[in-house]
Protein backbone atom coordinates (compact mmCIF):
# COMPACT_ATOMS: atom_id res chain seq x y z
CA MET A 1 -34.91 17.27 -114.82
CA MET A 2 -34.20 14.39 -117.19
CA LYS A 3 -30.63 14.25 -118.46
CA ILE A 4 -29.80 13.31 -122.07
CA LYS A 5 -26.18 12.26 -122.40
CA ILE A 6 -24.15 13.49 -125.36
CA LEU A 7 -22.58 10.35 -126.83
CA LYS A 8 -19.70 9.60 -129.18
CA ASN A 9 -21.50 6.60 -130.68
CA LYS A 10 -24.75 4.69 -130.22
CA ASP A 11 -23.03 1.81 -128.39
CA GLU A 12 -22.54 4.18 -125.44
CA LEU A 13 -26.32 4.00 -124.93
CA ASN A 14 -25.64 0.64 -123.24
CA ASN A 15 -23.66 2.38 -120.47
CA LEU A 16 -26.46 4.74 -119.40
CA ALA A 17 -28.73 4.29 -116.40
CA PRO A 18 -32.29 3.37 -117.40
CA LEU A 19 -35.18 5.80 -116.88
CA GLU A 20 -38.38 4.13 -115.64
CA ILE A 21 -41.98 4.56 -116.75
CA THR A 22 -43.78 4.42 -113.39
CA HIS A 23 -46.75 6.81 -113.39
CA LEU A 24 -49.89 4.66 -113.75
CA LEU A 25 -52.78 6.53 -115.35
CA TRP A 26 -56.56 6.40 -115.72
CA GLY A 27 -57.28 3.44 -113.47
CA THR A 28 -54.28 1.34 -114.49
CA LYS A 29 -53.30 -0.97 -111.61
CA SER A 30 -50.00 -2.29 -112.97
CA ILE A 31 -47.82 -2.54 -116.07
CA PRO A 32 -44.87 -4.75 -116.97
CA ARG A 33 -41.63 -3.04 -115.92
CA THR A 34 -40.82 -0.57 -118.70
CA TYR A 35 -37.75 1.64 -119.01
CA PHE A 36 -35.76 3.51 -121.64
CA TYR A 37 -32.39 4.97 -122.55
CA ILE A 38 -31.82 8.15 -124.54
CA GLY A 39 -28.70 9.82 -125.89
CA PHE A 40 -27.66 12.40 -128.46
CA ILE A 41 -24.83 12.18 -130.98
CA PRO A 42 -23.82 15.63 -132.32
CA GLU A 43 -24.40 16.13 -136.05
CA ASP A 44 -26.27 12.81 -136.15
CA GLY A 45 -29.34 12.69 -133.95
CA PHE A 46 -31.10 11.25 -130.93
CA TYR A 47 -31.06 7.54 -130.08
CA VAL A 48 -33.75 5.87 -127.99
CA ARG A 49 -34.00 2.32 -126.71
CA MET A 50 -37.11 1.20 -124.81
CA VAL A 51 -37.43 -2.10 -122.93
CA CYS A 52 -40.57 -3.80 -121.61
CA GLU A 53 -40.24 -6.87 -119.36
CA GLU A 54 -43.30 -8.54 -120.85
CA LYS A 55 -43.64 -12.13 -122.01
CA ASP A 56 -45.43 -12.67 -125.33
CA PRO A 57 -46.61 -9.06 -125.87
CA LEU A 58 -49.79 -8.47 -127.85
CA ARG A 59 -48.56 -7.79 -131.41
CA THR A 60 -51.28 -7.89 -134.05
CA TYR A 61 -50.17 -5.10 -136.36
CA THR A 62 -47.29 -5.49 -138.79
CA GLU A 63 -47.19 -2.36 -140.97
CA ASP A 64 -45.93 1.16 -140.30
CA PHE A 65 -48.77 3.61 -139.49
CA ASP A 66 -50.96 0.78 -138.14
CA PRO A 67 -52.75 1.61 -134.83
CA VAL A 68 -50.06 -0.08 -132.73
CA TYR A 69 -51.40 1.50 -129.51
CA ARG A 70 -54.11 -1.18 -129.61
CA ASP A 71 -51.36 -3.78 -129.24
CA SER A 72 -48.82 -3.67 -126.43
CA ALA A 73 -46.84 -0.56 -127.38
CA MET A 74 -44.09 1.69 -126.11
CA GLU A 75 -44.11 5.32 -127.15
CA ALA A 76 -41.79 8.35 -127.14
CA PHE A 77 -43.05 11.91 -127.70
CA PHE A 78 -40.72 14.89 -128.22
CA GLN A 79 -40.96 18.66 -128.50
CA PHE A 80 -37.45 19.47 -129.71
CA ILE A 81 -38.00 23.24 -129.62
CA PRO A 82 -40.15 23.77 -126.49
CA GLU A 83 -41.12 27.29 -127.63
CA GLN A 84 -42.74 25.81 -130.74
CA GLU A 85 -45.99 23.85 -130.58
CA VAL A 86 -44.89 21.08 -132.94
CA TYR A 87 -44.12 17.74 -131.29
CA LEU A 88 -43.29 14.29 -132.67
CA ASN A 89 -44.76 10.93 -131.63
CA PHE A 90 -43.10 7.54 -132.11
CA GLU A 91 -45.26 4.52 -131.19
CA VAL A 92 -44.02 0.97 -131.72
CA ASN A 93 -45.19 -2.59 -131.04
CA ALA A 94 -43.08 -5.72 -130.67
CA ASN A 95 -43.37 -6.46 -134.42
CA GLY A 96 -41.49 -3.22 -135.12
CA ALA A 97 -44.53 -1.56 -136.70
CA LEU A 98 -43.96 2.17 -136.19
CA LEU A 99 -46.60 4.89 -136.01
CA ALA A 100 -44.82 8.25 -136.29
CA ALA A 101 -46.13 11.73 -136.97
CA TYR A 102 -45.68 15.39 -136.05
CA GLY A 103 -47.81 18.47 -135.57
CA PRO A 104 -49.13 20.95 -132.99
CA SER A 105 -52.00 18.83 -131.60
CA ARG A 106 -53.52 15.37 -131.51
CA VAL A 107 -55.85 16.16 -134.42
CA TYR A 108 -53.57 17.95 -136.87
CA ARG A 109 -50.79 15.40 -137.39
CA SER A 110 -48.55 15.07 -140.45
CA TYR A 111 -47.20 11.61 -141.25
CA PHE A 112 -43.61 11.00 -142.20
CA SER A 113 -42.57 9.89 -145.68
CA LYS A 114 -41.36 6.35 -146.38
CA GLU A 115 -37.85 7.77 -146.71
CA ASP A 116 -38.05 9.38 -143.26
CA MET A 117 -39.49 6.19 -141.75
CA ALA A 118 -36.50 4.24 -143.08
CA MET A 119 -34.13 6.79 -141.50
CA PHE A 120 -35.67 6.15 -138.07
CA GLN A 121 -34.12 2.65 -138.23
CA CYS A 122 -36.85 1.26 -135.97
CA ARG A 123 -35.84 -2.20 -134.75
CA THR A 124 -37.40 -4.54 -132.22
CA GLU A 125 -36.20 -7.69 -130.53
CA ILE A 126 -38.40 -10.20 -128.69
CA GLU A 127 -36.78 -12.30 -125.99
CA GLU A 128 -38.37 -14.82 -123.65
CA ASP A 129 -39.12 -12.35 -120.87
CA ARG A 130 -38.92 -8.93 -122.55
CA TRP A 131 -38.99 -6.97 -125.78
CA THR A 132 -36.90 -4.03 -126.89
CA ALA A 133 -37.49 -1.23 -129.41
CA SER A 134 -34.74 1.04 -130.81
CA ILE A 135 -35.28 4.24 -132.78
CA ARG A 136 -32.91 6.82 -134.29
CA ILE A 137 -34.22 10.37 -134.75
CA PRO A 138 -31.84 12.03 -137.23
CA LEU A 139 -31.23 15.77 -137.18
CA SER A 140 -31.85 15.88 -140.94
CA VAL A 141 -35.49 14.83 -140.40
CA LEU A 142 -35.93 17.25 -137.50
CA GLU A 143 -34.59 20.13 -139.60
CA HIS A 144 -37.35 19.53 -142.18
CA ILE A 145 -39.79 20.31 -139.36
CA TYR A 146 -38.03 22.92 -137.24
CA GLY A 147 -35.44 24.47 -139.54
CA ALA A 148 -31.70 24.54 -138.78
CA LEU A 149 -30.76 22.98 -135.43
CA SER A 150 -27.51 22.93 -133.45
CA PHE A 151 -27.99 21.11 -130.15
CA LYS A 152 -25.20 21.44 -127.56
CA ALA A 153 -24.63 20.80 -123.86
CA GLY A 154 -27.05 22.86 -121.76
CA ASP A 155 -29.83 22.92 -124.36
CA THR A 156 -33.24 21.63 -123.29
CA ILE A 157 -36.03 19.76 -125.03
CA SER A 158 -39.29 18.34 -123.66
CA CYS A 159 -40.45 14.75 -123.93
CA ASN A 160 -42.47 11.96 -122.39
CA PHE A 161 -42.39 8.19 -122.67
CA TYR A 162 -45.34 5.83 -122.40
CA LYS A 163 -46.50 2.24 -122.07
CA ILE A 164 -49.96 1.59 -123.52
CA SER A 165 -52.49 -0.92 -124.72
CA GLU A 166 -56.02 0.11 -125.63
CA THR A 167 -57.20 -3.51 -126.03
CA LYS A 168 -59.68 -4.24 -123.20
CA ASP A 169 -58.14 -7.58 -122.16
CA VAL A 170 -54.78 -5.97 -121.34
CA GLU A 171 -55.72 -2.27 -121.24
CA HIS A 172 -53.16 -0.07 -119.46
CA TYR A 173 -51.64 3.39 -119.55
CA ALA A 174 -48.45 4.66 -117.93
CA ALA A 175 -46.03 7.55 -118.40
CA TYR A 176 -42.56 8.69 -117.38
CA ALA A 177 -43.81 12.17 -116.42
CA PRO A 178 -47.27 12.31 -114.81
CA ILE A 179 -50.25 13.50 -116.87
CA LEU A 180 -52.77 15.47 -114.82
CA SER A 181 -55.75 14.97 -117.11
CA SER A 182 -58.96 13.07 -116.37
CA THR A 183 -59.36 12.23 -120.07
CA PRO A 184 -56.95 9.59 -121.41
CA SER A 185 -54.54 11.18 -123.88
CA PHE A 186 -50.77 11.09 -124.33
CA HIS A 187 -50.97 14.03 -126.77
CA LEU A 188 -50.56 16.64 -124.02
CA PRO A 189 -47.20 18.39 -124.44
CA GLU A 190 -47.94 20.60 -121.43
CA TYR A 191 -47.12 17.52 -119.33
CA PHE A 192 -43.88 16.60 -121.11
CA ALA A 193 -40.78 16.51 -118.91
CA SER A 194 -37.91 18.93 -119.41
CA ALA A 195 -34.67 17.25 -120.49
CA ILE A 196 -31.20 18.79 -120.63
CA LEU A 197 -28.31 17.75 -122.87
CA GLU A 198 -25.10 17.13 -120.96
């Protein structure tokens, strides 16, 4: 089971061991090394940092809600109350363009407001041999979706993390937790991994 550390501040994210995205899907032969860190700060929210060791990533799109999955993108999907069908998707390219939505299925998605998007504090950094994306998921936004929340040690959520590009020249698909579907889709919460707060 994935472990999500309870942190005192977001700088402690730097001390965590990385979790790797290694399950290659739907004919993908290889991806750039991709890994992520996740932590939870009580009464604040969840913090995610994803890293892809990729030189000059494809980054065409520049605006939030653009189809960044056609670029080189890293993605994080969460079902914060596993008993409820609603899950959230966060998809980001190296330009920091963020596609984020929530709902019970791939088709019926609700998009976040501009105010919510600003609260996610999505930031990216491009270095010579890698790029990094950081996202904050505040409890205040989650409570608009799920109602009152009080996460504590021992609680579980479900989630999955992905590396994707749908552009033919560099097309690839990979996940943290395997997806046992013949049809390409990351919108399959039944394959999310269980994660425990500790």
